[in-house]
Amino acid sequence: MRFSVAGTTSRRRFARGMLPALIGSFAIPLPWLARMAAPTNLGALLRKRAGAERIGRRYLATLPVGTDKARLLAMSPALEHASRAVRHQPEVAAALLRRGISDDFCRANTIIVDGWVLAATEARFCAVVALA
């Protein structure tokens, strides 16, 4: 932006000079908005939420009355880590769940829900989704 000899500038030149600054100021909050669109709960990792909720409700029926999300997360470390990672890194959360489920099957840490053999982490994941 050039100043005239008198040291003043026209409104048109001022507006042209300010346009890049305005565009830049609108671009600053974009990463913040992208974080807001990230999944905030574990249910966002599911393709078919209804089925997981059904399994979760049936699993919750086998637990003591009053079992809440915090208790379920405390029972499964992989699920707790995944719930913390899901907001910022959903792909990491999914990998943590897969690893936890695989480890449960290797350790024979399984739960039978309506005749289905599920990893403990998997059943608790469904229960957390049902409670959400």
C-alpha atoms as a PDB file:
ATOM      1  CA  MET A   1       0.000   0.000   0.000  1.00  0.00           C
ATOM      2  CA  ARG A   2       1.531   3.248  -1.108  1.00  0.00           C
ATOM      3  CA  PHE A   3       0.893   6.534   0.527  1.00  0.00           C
ATOM      4  CA  SER A   4       0.282   9.603  -1.502  1.00  0.00           C
ATOM      5  CA  VAL A   5       2.624  12.525  -1.312  1.00  0.00           C
ATOM      6  CA  ALA A   6       0.407  14.206   1.263  1.00  0.00           C
ATOM      7  CA  GLY A   7       0.613  11.141   3.572  1.00  0.00           C
ATOM      8  CA  THR A   8      -3.053  10.189   3.192  1.00  0.00           C
ATOM      9  CA  THR A   9      -4.594   7.210   1.460  1.00  0.00           C
ATOM     10  CA  SER A  10      -7.883   6.730  -0.328  1.00  0.00           C
ATOM     11  CA  ARG A  11     -10.583   4.423   1.000  1.00  0.00           C
ATOM     12  CA  ARG A  12     -10.174   2.199  -2.058  1.00  0.00           C
ATOM     13  CA  ARG A  13      -6.434   1.705  -1.452  1.00  0.00           C
ATOM     14  CA  PHE A  14      -7.058   1.130   2.226  1.00  0.00           C
ATOM     15  CA  ALA A  15      -9.680  -1.537   1.462  1.00  0.00           C
ATOM     16  CA  ARG A  16      -7.353  -3.284  -1.016  1.00  0.00           C
ATOM     17  CA  GLY A  17      -4.587  -3.292   1.580  1.00  0.00           C
ATOM     18  CA  MET A  18      -6.857  -4.627   4.309  1.00  0.00           C
ATOM     19  CA  LEU A  19      -8.416  -7.444   2.256  1.00  0.00           C
ATOM     20  CA  PRO A  20      -5.511  -9.897   2.781  1.00  0.00           C
ATOM     21  CA  ALA A  21      -5.534  -9.124   6.505  1.00  0.00           C
ATOM     22  CA  LEU A  22      -9.261  -9.816   6.726  1.00  0.00           C
ATOM     23  CA  ILE A  23      -8.941 -13.097   4.852  1.00  0.00           C
ATOM     24  CA  GLY A  24      -6.093 -14.113   7.147  1.00  0.00           C
ATOM     25  CA  SER A  25      -8.106 -13.293  10.239  1.00  0.00           C
ATOM     26  CA  PHE A  26     -10.937 -15.561   9.066  1.00  0.00           C
ATOM     27  CA  ALA A  27      -8.481 -18.403   8.405  1.00  0.00           C
ATOM     28  CA  ILE A  28      -7.133 -18.375  11.974  1.00  0.00           C
ATOM     29  CA  PRO A  29     -10.153 -20.102  13.595  1.00  0.00           C
ATOM     30  CA  LEU A  30     -10.407 -22.832  10.940  1.00  0.00           C
ATOM     31  CA  PRO A  31      -8.208 -25.404  12.755  1.00  0.00           C
ATOM     32  CA  TRP A  32     -10.273 -24.780  15.876  1.00  0.00           C
ATOM     33  CA  LEU A  33     -13.463 -25.449  13.929  1.00  0.00           C
ATOM     34  CA  ALA A  34     -11.989 -28.655  12.498  1.00  0.00           C
ATOM     35  CA  ARG A  35     -11.330 -29.927  16.026  1.00  0.00           C
ATOM     36  CA  MET A  36     -14.925 -29.209  16.952  1.00  0.00           C
ATOM     37  CA  ALA A  37     -16.093 -31.510  14.149  1.00  0.00           C
ATOM     38  CA  ALA A  38     -14.030 -34.427  15.473  1.00  0.00           C
ATOM     39  CA  PRO A  39     -15.917 -37.286  17.105  1.00  0.00           C
ATOM     40  CA  THR A  40     -16.424 -36.704  20.797  1.00  0.00           C
ATOM     41  CA  ASN A  41     -17.583 -40.143  21.858  1.00  0.00           C
ATOM     42  CA  LEU A  42     -16.755 -43.739  21.153  1.00  0.00           C
ATOM     43  CA  GLY A  43     -20.048 -44.302  19.334  1.00  0.00           C
ATOM     44  CA  ALA A  44     -18.654 -42.296  16.423  1.00  0.00           C
ATOM     45  CA  LEU A  45     -16.314 -45.221  15.660  1.00  0.00           C
ATOM     46  CA  LEU A  46     -19.235 -47.542  14.841  1.00  0.00           C
ATOM     47  CA  ARG A  47     -20.821 -48.243  11.485  1.00  0.00           C
ATOM     48  CA  LYS A  48     -24.011 -49.734  12.964  1.00  0.00           C
ATOM     49  CA  ARG A  49     -24.730 -48.095  16.264  1.00  0.00           C
ATOM     50  CA  ALA A  50     -28.128 -49.745  16.807  1.00  0.00           C
ATOM     51  CA  GLY A  51     -26.625 -53.238  16.989  1.00  0.00           C
ATOM     52  CA  ALA A  52     -23.944 -52.127  19.432  1.00  0.00           C
ATOM     53  CA  GLU A  53     -26.558 -50.442  21.617  1.00  0.00           C
ATOM     54  CA  ARG A  54     -28.648 -53.626  21.679  1.00  0.00           C
ATOM     55  CA  ILE A  55     -25.640 -55.730  22.707  1.00  0.00           C
ATOM     56  CA  GLY A  56     -24.638 -53.083  25.240  1.00  0.00           C
ATOM     57  CA  ARG A  57     -28.084 -53.055  26.866  1.00  0.00           C
ATOM     58  CA  ARG A  58     -28.055 -56.843  27.148  1.00  0.00           C
ATOM     59  CA  TYR A  59     -24.580 -56.792  28.667  1.00  0.00           C
ATOM     60  CA  LEU A  60     -25.600 -54.046  31.103  1.00  0.00           C
ATOM     61  CA  ALA A  61     -28.495 -56.254  32.234  1.00  0.00           C
ATOM     62  CA  THR A  62     -25.929 -58.777  33.533  1.00  0.00           C
ATOM     63  CA  LEU A  63     -24.062 -56.146  35.581  1.00  0.00           C
ATOM     64  CA  PRO A  64     -25.015 -54.707  38.973  1.00  0.00           C
ATOM     65  CA  VAL A  65     -27.653 -51.985  38.855  1.00  0.00           C
ATOM     66  CA  GLY A  66     -26.119 -48.523  38.638  1.00  0.00           C
ATOM     67  CA  THR A  67     -23.069 -49.469  36.588  1.00  0.00           C
ATOM     68  CA  ASP A  68     -22.112 -46.274  34.781  1.00  0.00           C
ATOM     69  CA  LYS A  69     -19.723 -45.215  32.038  1.00  0.00           C
ATOM     70  CA  ALA A  70     -16.913 -44.376  34.479  1.00  0.00           C
ATOM     71  CA  ARG A  71     -17.094 -47.867  36.009  1.00  0.00           C
ATOM     72  CA  LEU A  72     -17.060 -49.517  32.571  1.00  0.00           C
ATOM     73  CA  LEU A  73     -14.039 -47.460  31.502  1.00  0.00           C
ATOM     74  CA  ALA A  74     -12.230 -48.372  34.727  1.00  0.00           C
ATOM     75  CA  MET A  75     -12.874 -52.068  34.038  1.00  0.00           C
ATOM     76  CA  SER A  76     -11.163 -51.894  30.640  1.00  0.00           C
ATOM     77  CA  PRO A  77      -7.899 -49.933  30.273  1.00  0.00           C
ATOM     78  CA  ALA A  78      -7.962 -50.157  26.455  1.00  0.00           C
ATOM     79  CA  LEU A  79     -11.449 -48.673  26.412  1.00  0.00           C
ATOM     80  CA  GLU A  80     -10.406 -45.869  28.750  1.00  0.00           C
ATOM     81  CA  HIS A  81      -7.401 -44.967  26.565  1.00  0.00           C
ATOM     82  CA  ALA A  82      -9.559 -45.074  23.434  1.00  0.00           C
ATOM     83  CA  SER A  83     -12.160 -42.777  24.991  1.00  0.00           C
ATOM     84  CA  ARG A  84      -9.464 -40.178  25.664  1.00  0.00           C
ATOM     85  CA  ALA A  85      -7.999 -40.465  22.160  1.00  0.00           C
ATOM     86  CA  VAL A  86     -11.243 -40.456  20.158  1.00  0.00           C
ATOM     87  CA  ARG A  87     -11.684 -36.669  20.120  1.00  0.00           C
ATOM     88  CA  HIS A  88      -8.302 -35.782  18.661  1.00  0.00           C
ATOM     89  CA  GLN A  89      -7.240 -39.027  16.962  1.00  0.00           C
ATOM     90  CA  PRO A  90     -10.160 -41.311  16.079  1.00  0.00           C
ATOM     91  CA  GLU A  91      -7.939 -43.666  14.080  1.00  0.00           C
ATOM     92  CA  VAL A  92      -5.705 -44.160  17.129  1.00  0.00           C
ATOM     93  CA  ALA A  93      -8.762 -44.821  19.291  1.00  0.00           C
ATOM     94  CA  ALA A  94      -9.984 -47.464  16.837  1.00  0.00           C
ATOM     95  CA  ALA A  95      -6.546 -49.118  16.841  1.00  0.00           C
ATOM     96  CA  LEU A  96      -6.497 -49.136  20.656  1.00  0.00           C
ATOM     97  CA  LEU A  97      -9.895 -50.834  20.726  1.00  0.00           C
ATOM     98  CA  ARG A  98      -8.845 -53.454  18.169  1.00  0.00           C
ATOM     99  CA  ARG A  99      -5.688 -54.196  20.156  1.00  0.00           C
ATOM    100  CA  GLY A 100      -7.646 -54.412  23.424  1.00  0.00           C
ATOM    101  CA  ILE A 101     -10.173 -56.808  21.871  1.00  0.00           C
ATOM    102  CA  SER A 102      -7.393 -58.959  20.424  1.00  0.00           C
ATOM    103  CA  ASP A 103      -5.581 -59.042  23.779  1.00  0.00           C
ATOM    104  CA  ASP A 104      -8.810 -60.065  25.527  1.00  0.00           C
ATOM    105  CA  PHE A 105      -9.259 -63.022  23.182  1.00  0.00           C
ATOM    106  CA  CYS A 106      -5.602 -64.053  23.654  1.00  0.00           C
ATOM    107  CA  ARG A 107      -6.090 -63.994  27.437  1.00  0.00           C
ATOM    108  CA  ALA A 108      -9.512 -65.687  27.161  1.00  0.00           C
ATOM    109  CA  ASN A 109     -11.069 -62.626  28.803  1.00  0.00           C
ATOM    110  CA  THR A 110     -14.441 -63.146  27.147  1.00  0.00           C
ATOM    111  CA  ILE A 111     -18.082 -62.551  27.998  1.00  0.00           C
ATOM    112  CA  ILE A 112     -21.092 -64.402  26.615  1.00  0.00           C
ATOM    113  CA  VAL A 113     -23.989 -62.140  25.656  1.00  0.00           C
ATOM    114  CA  ASP A 114     -27.046 -63.880  24.183  1.00  0.00           C
ATOM    115  CA  GLY A 115     -24.912 -66.797  23.018  1.00  0.00           C
ATOM    116  CA  TRP A 116     -22.274 -64.556  21.406  1.00  0.00           C
ATOM    117  CA  VAL A 117     -18.714 -64.796  22.691  1.00  0.00           C
ATOM    118  CA  LEU A 118     -17.370 -61.254  22.957  1.00  0.00           C
ATOM    119  CA  ALA A 119     -14.116 -59.846  24.211  1.00  0.00           C
ATOM    120  CA  ALA A 120     -14.625 -58.060  27.528  1.00  0.00           C
ATOM    121  CA  THR A 121     -13.456 -54.790  25.957  1.00  0.00           C
ATOM    122  CA  GLU A 122     -15.921 -55.275  23.105  1.00  0.00           C
ATOM    123  CA  ALA A 123     -18.879 -55.897  25.429  1.00  0.00           C
ATOM    124  CA  ARG A 124     -17.966 -52.908  27.595  1.00  0.00           C
ATOM    125  CA  PHE A 125     -17.542 -50.737  24.485  1.00  0.00           C
ATOM    126  CA  CYS A 126     -21.093 -51.638  23.448  1.00  0.00           C
ATOM    127  CA  ALA A 127     -22.324 -50.880  26.964  1.00  0.00           C
ATOM    128  CA  VAL A 128     -20.690 -47.435  26.895  1.00  0.00           C
ATOM    129  CA  VAL A 129     -22.374 -46.756  23.556  1.00  0.00           C
ATOM    130  CA  ALA A 130     -25.717 -47.872  25.005  1.00  0.00           C
ATOM    131  CA  LEU A 131     -25.300 -45.491  27.934  1.00  0.00           C
ATOM    132  CA  ALA A 132     -24.428 -42.513  25.717  1.00  0.00           C
END
